[in-house]
PDB file of N, CA and C in Angstrom:
ATOM      1  N   MET A   1     -50.676  32.547  12.046  1.00  0.00           N
ATOM      2  CA  MET A   1     -51.724  32.095  11.334  1.00  0.00           C
ATOM      3  C   MET A   1     -52.527  30.985  11.766  1.00  0.00           C
ATOM      4  N   LYS A   2     -53.762  31.046  11.727  1.00  0.00           N
ATOM      5  CA  LYS A   2     -54.636  29.881  12.107  1.00  0.00           C
ATOM      6  C   LYS A   2     -54.620  28.970  11.284  1.00  0.00           C
ATOM      7  N   THR A   3     -54.328  27.557  11.433  1.00  0.00           N
ATOM      8  CA  THR A   3     -54.214  26.489  10.713  1.00  0.00           C
ATOM      9  C   THR A   3     -55.580  26.247  10.087  1.00  0.00           C
ATOM     10  N   ASP A   4     -56.566  26.469  10.708  1.00  0.00           N
ATOM     11  CA  ASP A   4     -57.820  26.235  10.090  1.00  0.00           C
ATOM     12  C   ASP A   4     -58.243  26.985   8.899  1.00  0.00           C
ATOM     13  N   ASP A   5     -57.671  28.187   8.791  1.00  0.00           N
ATOM     14  CA  ASP A   5     -58.075  29.217   7.761  1.00  0.00           C
ATOM     15  C   ASP A   5     -56.934  28.978   6.589  1.00  0.00           C
ATOM     16  N   CYS A   6     -55.870  28.464   6.867  1.00  0.00           N
ATOM     17  CA  CYS A   6     -54.768  28.291   6.034  1.00  0.00           C
ATOM     18  C   CYS A   6     -55.181  27.650   4.804  1.00  0.00           C
ATOM     19  N   PRO A   7     -55.014  28.337   3.599  1.00  0.00           N
ATOM     20  CA  PRO A   7     -55.387  27.471   2.166  1.00  0.00           C
ATOM     21  C   PRO A   7     -54.758  26.424   2.044  1.00  0.00           C
ATOM     22  N   LEU A   8     -53.370  26.197   2.407  1.00  0.00           N
ATOM     23  CA  LEU A   8     -52.476  24.851   2.307  1.00  0.00           C
ATOM     24  C   LEU A   8     -52.988  23.945   3.176  1.00  0.00           C
ATOM     25  N   SER A   9     -53.488  24.291   4.349  1.00  0.00           N
ATOM     26  CA  SER A   9     -54.030  23.321   5.259  1.00  0.00           C
ATOM     27  C   SER A   9     -55.318  22.672   4.696  1.00  0.00           C
ATOM     28  N   ILE A  10     -56.152  23.563   4.221  1.00  0.00           N
ATOM     29  CA  ILE A  10     -57.406  23.324   3.744  1.00  0.00           C
ATOM     30  C   ILE A  10     -57.269  22.361   2.459  1.00  0.00           C
ATOM     31  N   ALA A  11     -56.378  22.719   1.649  1.00  0.00           N
ATOM     32  CA  ALA A  11     -56.026  21.841   0.364  1.00  0.00           C
ATOM     33  C   ALA A  11     -55.550  20.613   0.726  1.00  0.00           C
ATOM     34  N   LEU A  12     -54.777  20.432   1.718  1.00  0.00           N
ATOM     35  CA  LEU A  12     -54.118  19.225   2.037  1.00  0.00           C
ATOM     36  C   LEU A  12     -55.048  18.193   3.067  1.00  0.00           C
ATOM     37  N   ARG A  13     -56.122  18.739   3.485  1.00  0.00           N
ATOM     38  CA  ARG A  13     -57.124  17.983   4.321  1.00  0.00           C
ATOM     39  C   ARG A  13     -57.483  16.756   3.805  1.00  0.00           C
ATOM     40  N   PRO A  14     -57.902  16.644   2.610  1.00  0.00           N
ATOM     41  CA  PRO A  14     -58.299  15.400   2.013  1.00  0.00           C
ATOM     42  C   PRO A  14     -57.196  14.338   1.868  1.00  0.00           C
ATOM     43  N   LEU A  15     -56.181  14.831   1.918  1.00  0.00           N
ATOM     44  CA  LEU A  15     -54.912  13.923   1.747  1.00  0.00           C
ATOM     45  C   LEU A  15     -54.203  13.490   2.834  1.00  0.00           C
ATOM     46  N   ARG A  16     -54.808  13.753   3.967  1.00  0.00           N
ATOM     47  CA  ARG A  16     -54.093  13.416   5.228  1.00  0.00           C
ATOM     48  C   ARG A  16     -54.136  11.821   5.627  1.00  0.00           C
ATOM     49  N   GLY A  17     -54.934  11.179   5.052  1.00  0.00           N
ATOM     50  CA  GLY A  17     -55.099   9.624   5.538  1.00  0.00           C
ATOM     51  C   GLY A  17     -54.091   8.779   4.683  1.00  0.00           C
ATOM     52  N   LYS A  18     -53.874   7.731   5.106  1.00  0.00           N
ATOM     53  CA  LYS A  18     -52.918   6.833   4.326  1.00  0.00           C
ATOM     54  C   LYS A  18     -53.361   6.457   3.172  1.00  0.00           C
ATOM     55  N   TRP A  19     -54.704   6.262   2.926  1.00  0.00           N
ATOM     56  CA  TRP A  19     -55.210   5.676   1.558  1.00  0.00           C
ATOM     57  C   TRP A  19     -55.649   6.735   0.479  1.00  0.00           C
ATOM     58  N   GLU A  20     -55.961   7.832   1.059  1.00  0.00           N
ATOM     59  CA  GLU A  20     -56.618   8.876   0.132  1.00  0.00           C
ATOM     60  C   GLU A  20     -55.848   9.130  -1.002  1.00  0.00           C
ATOM     61  N   PRO A  21     -54.421   9.544  -0.846  1.00  0.00           N
ATOM     62  CA  PRO A  21     -53.722   9.731  -2.155  1.00  0.00           C
ATOM     63  C   PRO A  21     -53.551   8.632  -3.056  1.00  0.00           C
ATOM     64  N   LEU A  22     -53.563   7.439  -2.521  1.00  0.00           N
ATOM     65  CA  LEU A  22     -53.341   6.188  -3.350  1.00  0.00           C
ATOM     66  C   LEU A  22     -54.543   5.974  -4.215  1.00  0.00           C
ATOM     67  N   ILE A  23     -55.717   6.173  -3.640  1.00  0.00           N
ATOM     68  CA  ILE A  23     -56.987   6.036  -4.284  1.00  0.00           C
ATOM     69  C   ILE A  23     -57.103   7.063  -5.487  1.00  0.00           C
ATOM     70  N   ILE A  24     -56.701   8.275  -5.175  1.00  0.00           N
ATOM     71  CA  ILE A  24     -56.661   9.266  -6.263  1.00  0.00           C
ATOM     72  C   ILE A  24     -55.684   8.868  -7.317  1.00  0.00           C
ATOM     73  N   LYS A  25     -54.466   8.440  -6.973  1.00  0.00           N
ATOM     74  CA  LYS A  25     -53.597   7.950  -7.973  1.00  0.00           C
ATOM     75  C   LYS A  25     -54.085   6.907  -8.805  1.00  0.00           C
ATOM     76  N   TYR A  26     -54.824   5.812  -8.205  1.00  0.00           N
ATOM     77  CA  TYR A  26     -55.414   4.734  -8.753  1.00  0.00           C
ATOM     78  C   TYR A  26     -56.472   5.152  -9.701  1.00  0.00           C
ATOM     79  N   LEU A  27     -57.252   5.979  -9.405  1.00  0.00           N
ATOM     80  CA  LEU A  27     -58.309   6.417 -10.311  1.00  0.00           C
ATOM     81  C   LEU A  27     -57.727   7.317 -11.353  1.00  0.00           C
ATOM     82  N   SER A  28     -56.524   7.996 -11.241  1.00  0.00           N
ATOM     83  CA  SER A  28     -56.155   8.704 -12.229  1.00  0.00           C
ATOM     84  C   SER A  28     -55.374   7.892 -13.360  1.00  0.00           C
ATOM     85  N   ILE A  29     -54.948   6.861 -12.830  1.00  0.00           N
ATOM     86  CA  ILE A  29     -54.432   5.800 -13.890  1.00  0.00           C
ATOM     87  C   ILE A  29     -55.419   4.840 -14.502  1.00  0.00           C
ATOM     88  N   ASN A  30     -56.356   4.536 -13.574  1.00  0.00           N
ATOM     89  CA  ASN A  30     -57.467   3.421 -14.175  1.00  0.00           C
ATOM     90  C   ASN A  30     -58.588   3.798 -14.571  1.00  0.00           C
ATOM     91  N   GLY A  31     -58.989   5.195 -14.411  1.00  0.00           N
ATOM     92  CA  GLY A  31     -60.098   5.820 -14.687  1.00  0.00           C
ATOM     93  C   GLY A  31     -61.291   5.238 -13.571  1.00  0.00           C
ATOM     94  N   SER A  32     -62.569   5.284 -14.051  1.00  0.00           N
ATOM     95  CA  SER A  32     -63.690   5.140 -13.302  1.00  0.00           C
ATOM     96  C   SER A  32     -63.543   3.619 -12.892  1.00  0.00           C
ATOM     97  N   SER A  33     -63.684   3.197 -11.565  1.00  0.00           N
ATOM     98  CA  SER A  33     -63.583   1.908 -11.064  1.00  0.00           C
ATOM     99  C   SER A  33     -64.557   1.390  -9.886  1.00  0.00           C
ATOM    100  N   GLY A  34     -64.835   0.261  -9.992  1.00  0.00           N
ATOM    101  CA  GLY A  34     -65.632  -0.278  -8.774  1.00  0.00           C
ATOM    102  C   GLY A  34     -64.904  -0.467  -7.475  1.00  0.00           C
ATOM    103  N   TYR A  35     -65.732  -0.702  -6.463  1.00  0.00           N
ATOM    104  CA  TYR A  35     -65.112  -0.801  -5.159  1.00  0.00           C
ATOM    105  C   TYR A  35     -64.149  -1.992  -5.228  1.00  0.00           C
ATOM    106  N   SER A  36     -64.534  -3.114  -5.709  1.00  0.00           N
ATOM    107  CA  SER A  36     -63.716  -4.340  -5.657  1.00  0.00           C
ATOM    108  C   SER A  36     -62.522  -4.001  -6.284  1.00  0.00           C
ATOM    109  N   GLU A  37     -62.479  -3.415  -7.471  1.00  0.00           N
ATOM    110  CA  GLU A  37     -61.177  -2.944  -8.283  1.00  0.00           C
ATOM    111  C   GLU A  37     -60.287  -2.325  -7.533  1.00  0.00           C
ATOM    112  N   ILE A  38     -60.721  -1.243  -6.864  1.00  0.00           N
ATOM    113  CA  ILE A  38     -59.956  -0.372  -5.971  1.00  0.00           C
ATOM    114  C   ILE A  38     -59.431  -1.188  -4.842  1.00  0.00           C
ATOM    115  N   SER A  39     -60.211  -2.035  -4.259  1.00  0.00           N
ATOM    116  CA  SER A  39     -59.767  -2.777  -3.107  1.00  0.00           C
ATOM    117  C   SER A  39     -58.662  -3.686  -3.512  1.00  0.00           C
ATOM    118  N   ASN A  40     -59.046  -4.425  -4.608  1.00  0.00           N
ATOM    119  CA  ASN A  40     -58.020  -5.478  -4.971  1.00  0.00           C
ATOM    120  C   ASN A  40     -56.693  -4.845  -5.427  1.00  0.00           C
ATOM    121  N   SER A  41     -56.626  -3.595  -5.803  1.00  0.00           N
ATOM    122  CA  SER A  41     -55.243  -3.027  -6.149  1.00  0.00           C
ATOM    123  C   SER A  41     -54.502  -2.502  -4.954  1.00  0.00           C
ATOM    124  N   MET A  42     -55.222  -2.532  -3.732  1.00  0.00           N
ATOM    125  CA  MET A  42     -54.491  -1.780  -2.740  1.00  0.00           C
ATOM    126  C   MET A  42     -54.312  -2.856  -1.587  1.00  0.00           C
ATOM    127  N   GLU A  43     -52.863  -3.112  -1.320  1.00  0.00           N
ATOM    128  CA  GLU A  43     -52.489  -4.166  -0.621  1.00  0.00           C
ATOM    129  C   GLU A  43     -52.703  -3.823   0.795  1.00  0.00           C
ATOM    130  N   ASN A  44     -53.360  -4.669   1.657  1.00  0.00           N
ATOM    131  CA  ASN A  44     -53.541  -4.512   3.068  1.00  0.00           C
ATOM    132  C   ASN A  44     -54.626  -3.519   3.584  1.00  0.00           C
ATOM    133  N   ILE A  45     -55.318  -2.997   2.414  1.00  0.00           N
ATOM    134  CA  ILE A  45     -56.409  -2.109   2.977  1.00  0.00           C
ATOM    135  C   ILE A  45     -57.646  -2.900   3.396  1.00  0.00           C
ATOM    136  N   THR A  46     -58.256  -2.587   4.543  1.00  0.00           N
ATOM    137  CA  THR A  46     -59.414  -3.128   5.042  1.00  0.00           C
ATOM    138  C   THR A  46     -60.616  -2.579   4.441  1.00  0.00           C
ATOM    139  N   PRO A  47     -61.813  -3.464   4.405  1.00  0.00           N
ATOM    140  CA  PRO A  47     -62.996  -2.873   3.750  1.00  0.00           C
ATOM    141  C   PRO A  47     -63.388  -1.571   4.579  1.00  0.00           C
ATOM    142  N   LYS A  48     -63.189  -1.622   5.859  1.00  0.00           N
ATOM    143  CA  LYS A  48     -63.718  -0.314   6.588  1.00  0.00           C
ATOM    144  C   LYS A  48     -62.805   0.932   6.173  1.00  0.00           C
ATOM    145  N   ALA A  49     -61.569   0.692   6.004  1.00  0.00           N
ATOM    146  CA  ALA A  49     -60.585   1.753   5.745  1.00  0.00           C
ATOM    147  C   ALA A  49     -60.973   2.346   4.265  1.00  0.00           C
ATOM    148  N   LEU A  50     -61.246   1.463   3.346  1.00  0.00           N
ATOM    149  CA  LEU A  50     -61.667   1.755   2.016  1.00  0.00           C
ATOM    150  C   LEU A  50     -62.855   2.643   2.046  1.00  0.00           C
ATOM    151  N   THR A  51     -63.980   1.906   2.696  1.00  0.00           N
ATOM    152  CA  THR A  51     -65.301   2.725   2.761  1.00  0.00           C
ATOM    153  C   THR A  51     -65.051   4.083   3.306  1.00  0.00           C
ATOM    154  N   GLU A  52     -64.322   4.169   4.396  1.00  0.00           N
ATOM    155  CA  GLU A  52     -64.047   5.564   4.990  1.00  0.00           C
ATOM    156  C   GLU A  52     -63.385   6.535   4.199  1.00  0.00           C
ATOM    157  N   ALA A  53     -62.240   6.005   3.424  1.00  0.00           N
ATOM    158  CA  ALA A  53     -61.398   6.808   2.587  1.00  0.00           C
ATOM    159  C   ALA A  53     -62.497   7.333   1.287  1.00  0.00           C
ATOM    160  N   LEU A  54     -63.081   6.550   0.763  1.00  0.00           N
ATOM    161  CA  LEU A  54     -64.018   6.675  -0.428  1.00  0.00           C
ATOM    162  C   LEU A  54     -65.005   7.700   0.200  1.00  0.00           C
ATOM    163  N   GLY A  55     -65.656   7.779   1.250  1.00  0.00           N
ATOM    164  CA  GLY A  55     -66.477   8.652   1.860  1.00  0.00           C
ATOM    165  C   GLY A  55     -65.970   9.845   2.116  1.00  0.00           C
ATOM    166  N   LYS A  56     -64.756   9.985   2.577  1.00  0.00           N
ATOM    167  CA  LYS A  56     -64.126  11.232   2.751  1.00  0.00           C
ATOM    168  C   LYS A  56     -63.800  11.882   1.570  1.00  0.00           C
ATOM    169  N   LEU A  57     -63.274  11.306   0.523  1.00  0.00           N
ATOM    170  CA  LEU A  57     -63.070  11.847  -0.810  1.00  0.00           C
ATOM    171  C   LEU A  57     -64.203  12.156  -1.493  1.00  0.00           C
ATOM    172  N   SER A  58     -65.429  11.578  -1.314  1.00  0.00           N
ATOM    173  CA  SER A  58     -66.727  11.898  -1.999  1.00  0.00           C
ATOM    174  C   SER A  58     -67.057  13.092  -1.270  1.00  0.00           C
ATOM    175  N   THR A  59     -67.153  13.238   0.153  1.00  0.00           N
ATOM    176  CA  THR A  59     -67.576  14.358   0.826  1.00  0.00           C
ATOM    177  C   THR A  59     -66.755  15.644   0.422  1.00  0.00           C
ATOM    178  N   GLU A  60     -65.528  15.444   0.167  1.00  0.00           N
ATOM    179  CA  GLU A  60     -64.633  16.604  -0.094  1.00  0.00           C
ATOM    180  C   GLU A  60     -64.833  16.963  -1.639  1.00  0.00           C
ATOM    181  N   GLY A  61     -65.477  16.142  -2.348  1.00  0.00           N
ATOM    182  CA  GLY A  61     -65.746  16.610  -3.988  1.00  0.00           C
ATOM    183  C   GLY A  61     -64.610  16.204  -4.780  1.00  0.00           C
ATOM    184  N   ILE A  62     -63.679  15.279  -4.261  1.00  0.00           N
ATOM    185  CA  ILE A  62     -62.545  14.801  -5.003  1.00  0.00           C
ATOM    186  C   ILE A  62     -62.993  13.624  -5.930  1.00  0.00           C
ATOM    187  N   ILE A  63     -63.836  12.774  -5.306  1.00  0.00           N
ATOM    188  CA  ILE A  63     -64.409  11.797  -6.198  1.00  0.00           C
ATOM    189  C   ILE A  63     -65.888  11.828  -6.349  1.00  0.00           C
ATOM    190  N   GLY A  64     -66.422  11.241  -7.406  1.00  0.00           N
ATOM    191  CA  GLY A  64     -68.008  11.187  -7.556  1.00  0.00           C
ATOM    192  C   GLY A  64     -68.115   9.752  -7.847  1.00  0.00           C
ATOM    193  N   LYS A  65     -69.501   9.245  -7.702  1.00  0.00           N
ATOM    194  CA  LYS A  65     -69.818   7.895  -8.004  1.00  0.00           C
ATOM    195  C   LYS A  65     -71.055   7.927  -8.818  1.00  0.00           C
ATOM    196  N   ASN A  66     -70.993   6.867  -9.825  1.00  0.00           N
ATOM    197  CA  ASN A  66     -72.104   6.561 -10.602  1.00  0.00           C
ATOM    198  C   ASN A  66     -72.692   5.271 -10.080  1.00  0.00           C
ATOM    199  N   ILE A  67     -74.012   5.320  -9.920  1.00  0.00           N
ATOM    200  CA  ILE A  67     -74.528   4.070  -9.639  1.00  0.00           C
ATOM    201  C   ILE A  67     -75.265   3.533 -10.797  1.00  0.00           C
ATOM    202  N   ILE A  68     -74.847   2.274 -11.122  1.00  0.00           N
ATOM    203  CA  ILE A  68     -75.270   1.503 -12.263  1.00  0.00           C
ATOM    204  C   ILE A  68     -76.303   0.531 -11.847  1.00  0.00           C
ATOM    205  N   SER A  69     -77.435   0.503 -12.555  1.00  0.00           N
ATOM    206  CA  SER A  69     -78.726  -0.201 -12.194  1.00  0.00           C
ATOM    207  C   SER A  69     -78.622  -1.511 -12.856  1.00  0.00           C
ATOM    208  N   SER A  70     -77.781  -2.370 -12.366  1.00  0.00           N
ATOM    209  CA  SER A  70     -77.738  -3.633 -12.831  1.00  0.00           C
ATOM    210  C   SER A  70     -78.111  -4.681 -11.756  1.00  0.00           C
ATOM    211  N   LYS A  71     -77.892  -5.831 -11.991  1.00  0.00           N
ATOM    212  CA  LYS A  71     -78.199  -6.862 -10.851  1.00  0.00           C
ATOM    213  C   LYS A  71     -76.853  -7.635 -10.674  1.00  0.00           C
ATOM    214  N   PRO A  72     -76.115  -7.531  -9.663  1.00  0.00           N
ATOM    215  CA  PRO A  72     -76.377  -6.601  -8.566  1.00  0.00           C
ATOM    216  C   PRO A  72     -76.063  -5.092  -9.046  1.00  0.00           C
ATOM    217  N   VAL A  73     -76.488  -4.223  -7.992  1.00  0.00           N
ATOM    218  CA  VAL A  73     -76.232  -2.732  -8.371  1.00  0.00           C
ATOM    219  C   VAL A  73     -74.726  -2.652  -8.404  1.00  0.00           C
ATOM    220  N   ARG A  74     -74.212  -1.774  -9.039  1.00  0.00           N
ATOM    221  CA  ARG A  74     -72.784  -1.478  -9.084  1.00  0.00           C
ATOM    222  C   ARG A  74     -72.413  -0.006  -8.810  1.00  0.00           C
ATOM    223  N   VAL A  75     -71.486   0.281  -8.103  1.00  0.00           N
ATOM    224  CA  VAL A  75     -71.109   1.718  -7.865  1.00  0.00           C
ATOM    225  C   VAL A  75     -69.735   1.909  -8.476  1.00  0.00           C
ATOM    226  N   MET A  76     -69.700   2.950  -9.608  1.00  0.00           N
ATOM    227  CA  MET A  76     -68.399   3.101 -10.135  1.00  0.00           C
ATOM    228  C   MET A  76     -67.766   4.673  -9.522  1.00  0.00           C
ATOM    229  N   TYR A  77     -66.589   4.595  -9.127  1.00  0.00           N
ATOM    230  CA  TYR A  77     -65.939   5.750  -8.723  1.00  0.00           C
ATOM    231  C   TYR A  77     -65.099   6.432  -9.751  1.00  0.00           C
ATOM    232  N   TYR A  78     -65.188   7.739  -9.764  1.00  0.00           N
ATOM    233  CA  TYR A  78     -64.468   8.546 -10.709  1.00  0.00           C
ATOM    234  C   TYR A  78     -63.851   9.861 -10.112  1.00  0.00           C
ATOM    235  N   LEU A  79     -62.792  10.411 -10.585  1.00  0.00           N
ATOM    236  CA  LEU A  79     -62.143  11.699 -10.060  1.00  0.00           C
ATOM    237  C   LEU A  79     -63.140  12.732 -10.661  1.00  0.00           C
ATOM    238  N   THR A  80     -63.412  13.673  -9.886  1.00  0.00           N
ATOM    239  CA  THR A  80     -64.061  14.993 -10.323  1.00  0.00           C
ATOM    240  C   THR A  80     -62.962  15.808 -10.874  1.00  0.00           C
ATOM    241  N   ASP A  81     -63.505  17.078 -11.353  1.00  0.00           N
ATOM    242  CA  ASP A  81     -62.445  17.966 -11.886  1.00  0.00           C
ATOM    243  C   ASP A  81     -61.504  18.349 -10.705  1.00  0.00           C
ATOM    244  N   LYS A  82     -62.111  18.560  -9.478  1.00  0.00           N
ATOM    245  CA  LYS A  82     -61.147  18.771  -8.261  1.00  0.00           C
ATOM    246  C   LYS A  82     -60.299  17.763  -8.009  1.00  0.00           C
ATOM    247  N   GLY A  83     -60.711  16.527  -8.222  1.00  0.00           N
ATOM    248  CA  GLY A  83     -59.807  15.344  -7.932  1.00  0.00           C
ATOM    249  C   GLY A  83     -58.668  15.447  -9.080  1.00  0.00           C
ATOM    250  N   LYS A  84     -59.267  15.634 -10.253  1.00  0.00           N
ATOM    251  CA  LYS A  84     -58.096  15.675 -11.425  1.00  0.00           C
ATOM    252  C   LYS A  84     -57.143  16.862 -11.219  1.00  0.00           C
ATOM    253  N   ALA A  85     -57.510  17.836 -10.457  1.00  0.00           N
ATOM    254  CA  ALA A  85     -56.608  18.842 -10.313  1.00  0.00           C
ATOM    255  C   ALA A  85     -55.439  18.430  -9.253  1.00  0.00           C
ATOM    256  N   MET A  86     -55.760  17.364  -8.581  1.00  0.00           N
ATOM    257  CA  MET A  86     -54.753  17.084  -7.552  1.00  0.00           C
ATOM    258  C   MET A  86     -53.741  16.104  -8.223  1.00  0.00           C
ATOM    259  N   ILE A  87     -53.948  15.623  -9.324  1.00  0.00           N
ATOM    260  CA  ILE A  87     -53.069  14.631  -9.967  1.00  0.00           C
ATOM    261  C   ILE A  87     -51.630  15.258 -10.139  1.00  0.00           C
ATOM    262  N   ASP A  88     -51.401  16.321 -10.728  1.00  0.00           N
ATOM    263  CA  ASP A  88     -50.093  16.964 -11.026  1.00  0.00           C
ATOM    264  C   ASP A  88     -49.351  17.306  -9.613  1.00  0.00           C
ATOM    265  N   PRO A  89     -49.916  17.822  -8.727  1.00  0.00           N
ATOM    266  CA  PRO A  89     -49.260  18.044  -7.291  1.00  0.00           C
ATOM    267  C   PRO A  89     -48.834  16.766  -6.661  1.00  0.00           C
ATOM    268  N   LEU A  90     -49.773  15.635  -6.790  1.00  0.00           N
ATOM    269  CA  LEU A  90     -49.400  14.505  -6.224  1.00  0.00           C
ATOM    270  C   LEU A  90     -48.247  13.786  -6.962  1.00  0.00           C
ATOM    271  N   ASP A  91     -48.231  13.843  -8.390  1.00  0.00           N
ATOM    272  CA  ASP A  91     -47.203  13.351  -9.149  1.00  0.00           C
ATOM    273  C   ASP A  91     -45.823  14.228  -8.640  1.00  0.00           C
ATOM    274  N   THR A  92     -45.797  15.457  -8.436  1.00  0.00           N
ATOM    275  CA  THR A  92     -44.714  16.240  -7.985  1.00  0.00           C
ATOM    276  C   THR A  92     -44.101  15.755  -6.659  1.00  0.00           C
ATOM    277  N   ILE A  93     -45.119  15.628  -5.744  1.00  0.00           N
ATOM    278  CA  ILE A  93     -44.698  14.984  -4.435  1.00  0.00           C
ATOM    279  C   ILE A  93     -44.026  13.697  -4.582  1.00  0.00           C
ATOM    280  N   GLU A  94     -44.541  12.876  -5.292  1.00  0.00           N
ATOM    281  CA  GLU A  94     -44.182  11.504  -5.535  1.00  0.00           C
ATOM    282  C   GLU A  94     -42.659  11.523  -6.159  1.00  0.00           C
ATOM    283  N   SER A  95     -42.494  12.466  -7.206  1.00  0.00           N
ATOM    284  CA  SER A  95     -41.211  12.652  -7.719  1.00  0.00           C
ATOM    285  C   SER A  95     -40.134  13.134  -6.719  1.00  0.00           C
ATOM    286  N   LEU A  96     -40.521  14.157  -5.923  1.00  0.00           N
ATOM    287  CA  LEU A  96     -39.559  14.493  -4.965  1.00  0.00           C
ATOM    288  C   LEU A  96     -39.208  13.534  -3.935  1.00  0.00           C
ATOM    289  N   ASN A  97     -40.148  12.602  -3.649  1.00  0.00           N
ATOM    290  CA  ASN A  97     -39.725  11.589  -2.615  1.00  0.00           C
ATOM    291  C   ASN A  97     -38.784  10.560  -3.326  1.00  0.00           C
ATOM    292  N   LYS A  98     -39.156  10.382  -4.708  1.00  0.00           N
ATOM    293  CA  LYS A  98     -38.155   9.388  -5.364  1.00  0.00           C
ATOM    294  C   LYS A  98     -36.801  10.146  -5.500  1.00  0.00           C
ATOM    295  N   ASN A  99     -36.660  11.336  -5.840  1.00  0.00           N
ATOM    296  CA  ASN A  99     -35.450  11.908  -5.858  1.00  0.00           C
ATOM    297  C   ASN A  99     -34.603  11.949  -4.648  1.00  0.00           C
ATOM    298  N   ARG A 100     -35.466  12.149  -3.471  1.00  0.00           N
ATOM    299  CA  ARG A 100     -34.850  12.130  -2.052  1.00  0.00           C
ATOM    300  C   ARG A 100     -34.122  10.770  -1.872  1.00  0.00           C
ATOM    301  N   LYS A 101     -34.688   9.703  -2.251  1.00  0.00           N
ATOM    302  CA  LYS A 101     -34.140   8.356  -2.058  1.00  0.00           C
ATOM    303  C   LYS A 101     -32.899   7.979  -2.589  1.00  0.00           C
ATOM    304  N   ASN A 102     -32.589   8.900  -3.901  1.00  0.00           N
ATOM    305  CA  ASN A 102     -31.366   8.728  -4.747  1.00  0.00           C
ATOM    306  C   ASN A 102     -30.245   9.195  -4.024  1.00  0.00           C
TER     307      ASN A 102
END
């Protein structure tokens, strides 16, 4: 089986980074959030890493963004339907890991 064509490999591609699953989890709990809110909630994330992770998730259609025309302009990130569909599988993976530690 070619890994490039494997549905599982394709589904997991957006989650391969360190921060992507955490951003999805954060948005699932907190709802639409700005860059600073996401950044402040993630210990040790660099601005570059956050920008890259948000870009990757946006490109994959997992998050969307609303641009609010205020001064200064504010961008709010939210989970798309595709992103919301990842919440239960991520919760299951998290639960499996918790059970493994016990």
